[in-house]
Amino acid sequence: MNSYPLDMSVRPEVTAFFDDATNTISYVVNDPGSNACAVIDSVMDIDYAAGRLTYDHADKIISFITDNSLTLEWIIETHVHADHLSAAPYIQQKLGGRIGIGDQIMVVQDTFGKIFNEGTEFQRDGSQFDALFKEGDIYTIGNMQAVAIFTPGHTPACMVHVIGDAAFVGDTLFMPDGGSARADFPGGDAATLYDSIQKVLALPDDMRLFMCHDYGPNGRDIKWETTVGEEKLHNIHAGEGKTREDFIKFRTARDASLGMPRLILPSLQVNMRAGEVPRDSEGSLMLKVPLNRI
């Protein structure tokens, strides 16, 4: 059983925004009792081959918030994404709000600061973010209470955010027929991911779960919402009585067959900086391509 201070009587209003280019789902979560809201896992558009950044996806979120007269209080990153770039600073500039992530971001920054040879000017203390959450931390969105749950395994800094009867799981879980995310990035670990998934599955069965990604396995339509009960019964990697040993064996073998995400190099450089794009010595926006390092 979980020991988190949950309030399942609160049902936040959740609006999803699907990004076709990265199969990412971003969310606006608003308090039904006030005009306060949060944005979870935003996306900045990139044409990697052309070296061009745009903000169409983020602008849709901004328009939704302004059109509904909402007040943005939080911009949450469930983890340092390796497959899309965060639009957090862009949204913050337009609407305000505090950018938050798990405090183990410092582990990610230290690891990838070395891989990208960032030098001493790159701060590895999480100071690029406005808030660093620890296991069990509580924060508020209007009148709603949110709880941050530490769920490492996919990355060292993954967190699930529970807001009322809704939990935003990042890449800790996929839809039941999608299973789970990989655990072979630096700092990832299949056994740790299994344990984190069990923390999520210990939440109440009727807790709504919202995914960060969906790929429409077997040709089905894209989906992003399920429940703890459905995951416990039907998750193809970690449900249906799958043991820890089963999961580790499968996840390790599966990960060994996967190539790197298309946007991993720009994503990590940007997302470990809270969505800010690095600049060169002349102040121009610039990304690096380290060779044979990951």
Protein backbone atom coordinates (compact mmCIF):
# COMPACT_ATOMS: atom_id res chain seq x y z
CA MET A 1 0.00 0.00 0.00
CA ASN A 2 1.13 3.57 -0.65
CA SER A 3 1.58 6.10 2.13
CA TYR A 4 1.17 9.29 0.09
CA PRO A 5 -1.40 11.93 1.15
CA LEU A 6 -3.84 11.45 -1.72
CA ASP A 7 -7.22 13.12 -2.20
CA MET A 8 -9.15 11.09 -4.77
CA SER A 9 -12.21 13.33 -4.28
CA VAL A 10 -10.54 16.04 -6.37
CA ARG A 11 -10.89 15.51 -10.12
CA PRO A 12 -8.70 17.96 -12.04
CA GLU A 13 -9.66 18.91 -15.56
CA VAL A 14 -7.04 17.45 -17.93
CA THR A 15 -6.58 18.60 -21.53
CA ALA A 16 -4.12 16.70 -23.71
CA PHE A 17 -2.04 18.02 -26.62
CA PHE A 18 -0.51 15.35 -28.87
CA ASP A 19 2.66 16.10 -30.82
CA ASP A 20 2.80 13.93 -33.97
CA ALA A 21 6.50 14.55 -34.59
CA THR A 22 7.62 13.02 -31.27
CA ASN A 23 4.55 11.04 -30.13
CA THR A 24 4.55 13.16 -26.97
CA ILE A 25 1.47 14.11 -25.00
CA SER A 26 1.58 17.40 -23.09
CA TYR A 27 -1.09 18.35 -20.59
CA VAL A 28 -2.83 21.34 -19.13
CA VAL A 29 -4.15 20.38 -15.69
CA ASN A 30 -6.51 22.86 -14.12
CA ASP A 31 -8.18 23.11 -10.76
CA PRO A 32 -11.97 22.82 -11.16
CA GLY A 33 -12.36 25.10 -8.14
CA SER A 34 -10.24 27.98 -9.43
CA ASN A 35 -8.55 29.30 -12.57
CA ALA A 36 -5.13 27.85 -11.62
CA CYS A 37 -3.42 25.35 -13.89
CA ALA A 38 -0.17 23.52 -14.60
CA VAL A 39 1.51 22.44 -17.84
CA ILE A 40 3.17 19.04 -17.88
CA ASP A 41 5.84 17.94 -20.39
CA SER A 42 5.63 20.68 -23.01
CA VAL A 43 7.24 20.40 -26.47
CA MET A 44 9.35 22.81 -28.50
CA ASP A 45 9.37 22.03 -32.23
CA ILE A 46 12.67 21.40 -33.97
CA ASP A 47 13.58 20.77 -37.58
CA TYR A 48 16.88 19.11 -36.74
CA ALA A 49 18.18 18.90 -40.31
CA ALA A 50 17.44 22.58 -40.95
CA GLY A 51 18.62 23.73 -37.52
CA ARG A 52 15.37 25.57 -36.87
CA LEU A 53 13.26 25.92 -33.70
CA THR A 54 9.57 26.85 -33.72
CA TYR A 55 6.78 26.91 -31.16
CA ASP A 56 3.56 25.75 -32.82
CA HIS A 57 2.87 23.07 -30.21
CA ALA A 58 3.57 25.39 -27.29
CA ASP A 59 1.46 28.14 -28.85
CA LYS A 60 -1.56 25.81 -28.86
CA ILE A 61 -1.10 25.29 -25.12
CA ILE A 62 -0.67 29.01 -24.51
CA SER A 63 -3.81 29.80 -26.54
CA PHE A 64 -5.81 27.23 -24.58
CA ILE A 65 -4.72 28.73 -21.26
CA THR A 66 -5.42 32.33 -22.30
CA ASP A 67 -8.70 31.51 -24.07
CA ASN A 68 -9.97 29.85 -20.89
CA SER A 69 -8.72 32.67 -18.62
CA LEU A 70 -6.48 30.28 -16.67
CA THR A 71 -3.49 31.26 -14.55
CA LEU A 72 -0.37 29.15 -15.05
CA GLU A 73 1.29 28.30 -11.74
CA TRP A 74 3.57 25.37 -12.63
CA ILE A 75 5.44 24.03 -15.66
CA ILE A 76 6.37 20.48 -14.71
CA GLU A 77 8.94 18.20 -16.34
CA THR A 78 8.45 14.56 -15.36
CA HIS A 79 12.09 13.91 -16.33
CA VAL A 80 14.87 15.00 -18.68
CA HIS A 81 13.37 13.82 -21.95
CA ALA A 82 15.59 12.24 -24.60
CA ASP A 83 13.11 12.37 -27.46
CA HIS A 84 11.74 15.92 -27.49
CA LEU A 85 12.77 19.42 -26.47
CA SER A 86 10.99 21.24 -23.67
CA ALA A 87 9.23 24.55 -24.35
CA ALA A 88 9.19 25.47 -20.65
CA PRO A 89 11.10 28.80 -20.88
CA TYR A 90 9.01 29.94 -23.85
CA ILE A 91 5.76 29.21 -22.04
CA GLN A 92 7.07 30.78 -18.83
CA GLN A 93 8.01 33.95 -20.70
CA LYS A 94 4.48 34.21 -22.08
CA LEU A 95 2.46 33.15 -19.04
CA GLY A 96 4.65 32.95 -15.95
CA GLY A 97 4.68 29.92 -13.66
CA ARG A 98 7.50 28.02 -11.98
CA ILE A 99 9.50 25.30 -13.76
CA GLY A 100 9.92 22.16 -11.65
CA ILE A 101 11.68 18.81 -11.97
CA GLY A 102 12.98 16.07 -9.66
CA ASP A 103 16.07 16.94 -7.63
CA GLN A 104 18.03 14.08 -9.19
CA ILE A 105 18.38 16.34 -12.23
CA MET A 106 21.81 17.00 -10.73
CA VAL A 107 22.83 13.40 -11.52
CA VAL A 108 21.68 13.84 -15.12
CA GLN A 109 23.47 17.18 -15.44
CA ASP A 110 26.69 15.72 -14.10
CA THR A 111 26.53 12.73 -16.46
CA PHE A 112 25.69 14.62 -19.63
CA GLY A 113 27.72 17.68 -18.72
CA LYS A 114 30.74 15.41 -19.16
CA ILE A 115 29.44 13.76 -22.34
CA PHE A 116 28.83 17.14 -23.97
CA ASN A 117 32.04 18.61 -22.52
CA GLU A 118 30.11 21.56 -21.11
CA GLY A 119 32.93 22.90 -18.96
CA THR A 120 32.75 24.64 -15.60
CA GLU A 121 30.36 27.35 -16.80
CA PHE A 122 27.53 24.80 -16.96
CA GLN A 123 25.98 24.59 -13.51
CA ARG A 124 25.25 21.04 -12.37
CA ASP A 125 23.18 21.96 -9.31
CA GLY A 126 19.71 22.16 -10.86
CA SER A 127 19.70 25.93 -10.50
CA GLN A 128 18.29 26.35 -14.02
CA PHE A 129 14.94 25.18 -12.58
CA ASP A 130 12.72 27.10 -10.16
CA ALA A 131 11.90 24.07 -8.00
CA LEU A 132 13.54 20.70 -7.39
CA PHE A 133 11.16 18.06 -6.03
CA LYS A 134 12.12 15.33 -3.59
CA GLU A 135 10.26 12.08 -2.93
CA GLY A 136 6.90 12.87 -1.33
CA ASP A 137 7.09 16.64 -1.79
CA ILE A 138 3.72 18.39 -1.81
CA TYR A 139 2.87 21.50 -3.82
CA THR A 140 -0.37 23.18 -4.82
CA ILE A 141 -2.11 24.17 -8.04
CA GLY A 142 -4.81 26.55 -6.94
CA ASN A 143 -6.72 24.59 -4.29
CA MET A 144 -5.43 21.22 -5.49
CA GLN A 145 -2.69 19.30 -3.74
CA ALA A 146 -0.02 17.66 -5.88
CA VAL A 147 2.42 14.97 -4.71
CA ALA A 148 5.76 14.17 -6.37
CA ILE A 149 6.72 10.48 -6.33
CA PHE A 150 10.30 9.49 -7.15
CA THR A 151 10.26 6.81 -9.88
CA PRO A 152 13.79 6.33 -11.28
CA GLY A 153 14.77 3.60 -13.73
CA HIS A 154 14.08 5.11 -17.14
CA THR A 155 16.28 8.01 -16.00
CA PRO A 156 17.67 8.89 -12.54
CA ALA A 157 15.42 11.95 -12.26
CA CYS A 158 11.99 10.54 -13.20
CA MET A 159 9.02 11.52 -11.06
CA VAL A 160 5.30 10.77 -11.20
CA HIS A 161 3.08 13.71 -10.24
CA VAL A 162 -0.23 12.85 -8.57
CA ILE A 163 -2.83 15.61 -8.67
CA GLY A 164 -6.17 14.62 -7.15
CA ASP A 165 -7.37 11.46 -8.89
CA ALA A 166 -4.88 11.90 -11.77
CA ALA A 167 -1.25 10.77 -12.00
CA PHE A 168 1.12 11.94 -14.72
CA VAL A 169 3.59 9.11 -15.13
CA GLY A 170 6.10 10.47 -17.65
CA ASP A 171 7.92 7.48 -19.17
CA THR A 172 7.61 5.24 -16.11
CA LEU A 173 4.73 3.44 -17.83
CA PHE A 174 3.10 3.32 -21.24
CA MET A 175 -0.47 2.28 -22.05
CA PRO A 176 -1.11 -1.38 -21.10
CA ASP A 177 -0.43 -2.64 -24.64
CA GLY A 178 2.72 -0.48 -24.84
CA GLY A 179 4.31 -1.76 -21.64
CA SER A 180 7.22 0.33 -20.42
CA ALA A 181 9.99 2.63 -21.57
CA ARG A 182 13.61 1.66 -22.05
CA ALA A 183 16.03 1.62 -19.13
CA ASP A 184 19.42 1.64 -20.89
CA PHE A 185 20.20 5.35 -20.98
CA PRO A 186 23.09 6.45 -18.74
CA GLY A 187 21.78 6.19 -15.20
CA GLY A 188 18.85 3.98 -16.18
CA ASP A 189 18.29 0.52 -14.75
CA ALA A 190 15.69 -2.16 -15.47
CA ALA A 191 15.44 -3.44 -11.89
CA THR A 192 14.99 0.09 -10.57
CA LEU A 193 12.34 0.78 -13.20
CA TYR A 194 10.39 -2.33 -12.16
CA ASP A 195 10.44 -1.17 -8.54
CA SER A 196 9.24 2.28 -9.58
CA ILE A 197 6.41 0.79 -11.61
CA GLN A 198 5.30 -1.10 -8.51
CA LYS A 199 5.05 2.21 -6.65
CA VAL A 200 2.65 3.45 -9.32
CA LEU A 201 0.66 0.21 -9.28
CA ALA A 202 0.26 0.56 -5.50
CA LEU A 203 -1.86 3.68 -6.05
CA PRO A 204 -5.67 3.24 -5.91
CA ASP A 205 -7.06 1.15 -8.77
CA ASP A 206 -9.30 3.95 -10.01
CA MET A 207 -6.49 6.51 -10.14
CA ARG A 208 -6.36 7.95 -13.66
CA LEU A 209 -2.95 7.58 -15.32
CA PHE A 210 -1.76 9.90 -18.08
CA MET A 211 1.12 8.86 -20.35
CA CYS A 212 3.87 11.08 -21.78
CA HIS A 213 4.08 9.01 -24.99
CA ASP A 214 2.02 6.66 -27.09
CA TYR A 215 2.94 5.00 -30.37
CA GLY A 216 -0.31 3.27 -31.31
CA PRO A 217 0.96 -0.34 -31.12
CA ASN A 218 -0.59 -2.78 -33.59
CA GLY A 219 -2.11 0.10 -35.52
CA ARG A 220 -4.60 1.27 -32.88
CA ASP A 221 -5.49 4.92 -32.43
CA ILE A 222 -3.27 7.04 -30.19
CA LYS A 223 -4.35 6.92 -26.53
CA TRP A 224 -2.94 8.44 -23.36
CA GLU A 225 -5.30 7.76 -20.45
CA THR A 226 -5.80 4.56 -18.48
CA THR A 227 -6.07 3.55 -14.80
CA VAL A 228 -3.93 1.82 -12.22
CA GLY A 229 -6.33 -1.11 -12.26
CA GLU A 230 -6.02 -1.54 -16.01
CA GLU A 231 -2.23 -1.41 -15.86
CA LYS A 232 -2.13 -4.00 -13.07
CA LEU A 233 -4.27 -6.38 -15.07
CA HIS A 234 -3.06 -5.81 -18.61
CA ASN A 235 0.36 -4.14 -18.83
CA ILE A 236 2.29 -6.44 -21.14
CA HIS A 237 5.64 -5.82 -19.41
CA ALA A 238 4.84 -5.36 -15.73
CA GLY A 239 1.23 -6.44 -15.18
CA GLU A 240 -0.52 -9.80 -15.30
CA GLY A 241 1.66 -11.26 -12.56
CA LYS A 242 4.99 -10.53 -14.29
CA THR A 243 7.83 -11.01 -11.82
CA ARG A 244 10.75 -8.68 -11.25
CA GLU A 245 13.03 -11.25 -12.87
CA ASP A 246 10.72 -11.53 -15.90
CA PHE A 247 10.75 -7.78 -16.34
CA ILE A 248 14.51 -7.38 -16.00
CA LYS A 249 15.19 -10.18 -18.50
CA PHE A 250 12.73 -8.81 -21.05
CA ARG A 251 13.65 -5.14 -20.63
CA THR A 252 17.39 -5.79 -20.87
CA ALA A 253 17.05 -7.87 -24.03
CA ARG A 254 14.60 -5.44 -25.60
CA ASP A 255 16.76 -2.40 -24.88
CA ALA A 256 19.79 -4.03 -26.46
CA SER A 257 17.88 -4.13 -29.76
CA LEU A 258 16.86 -0.45 -29.77
CA GLY A 259 18.59 2.40 -31.55
CA MET A 260 19.01 5.83 -30.00
CA PRO A 261 16.06 8.26 -30.22
CA ARG A 262 16.27 10.58 -33.22
CA LEU A 263 16.39 13.74 -31.08
CA ILE A 264 18.44 12.49 -28.14
CA LEU A 265 21.42 14.83 -28.71
CA PRO A 266 19.52 18.13 -28.92
CA SER A 267 16.96 17.02 -26.34
CA LEU A 268 19.46 16.28 -23.58
CA GLN A 269 21.42 19.49 -24.13
CA VAL A 270 18.26 21.60 -23.94
CA ASN A 271 16.28 19.72 -21.32
CA MET A 272 19.04 19.48 -18.73
CA ARG A 273 19.03 23.31 -18.93
CA ALA A 274 15.28 23.55 -18.17
CA GLY A 275 14.51 24.10 -21.85
CA GLU A 276 17.11 26.77 -22.55
CA VAL A 277 19.13 26.27 -25.73
CA PRO A 278 22.91 26.46 -25.17
CA ARG A 279 24.90 29.24 -26.78
CA ASP A 280 28.41 29.41 -28.18
CA SER A 281 31.12 31.85 -27.09
CA GLU A 282 29.59 34.56 -29.30
CA GLY A 283 26.11 34.14 -27.82
CA SER A 284 24.56 32.34 -30.79
CA LEU A 285 22.26 29.36 -30.21
CA MET A 286 24.34 26.25 -30.82
CA LEU A 287 24.04 22.49 -30.24
CA LYS A 288 26.88 19.97 -30.09
CA VAL A 289 27.20 16.52 -31.66
CA PRO A 290 29.60 14.51 -29.48
CA LEU A 291 30.90 11.43 -31.29
CA ASN A 292 31.20 7.94 -29.82
CA ARG A 293 30.20 9.17 -26.35
CA ILE A 294 26.72 7.69 -25.77
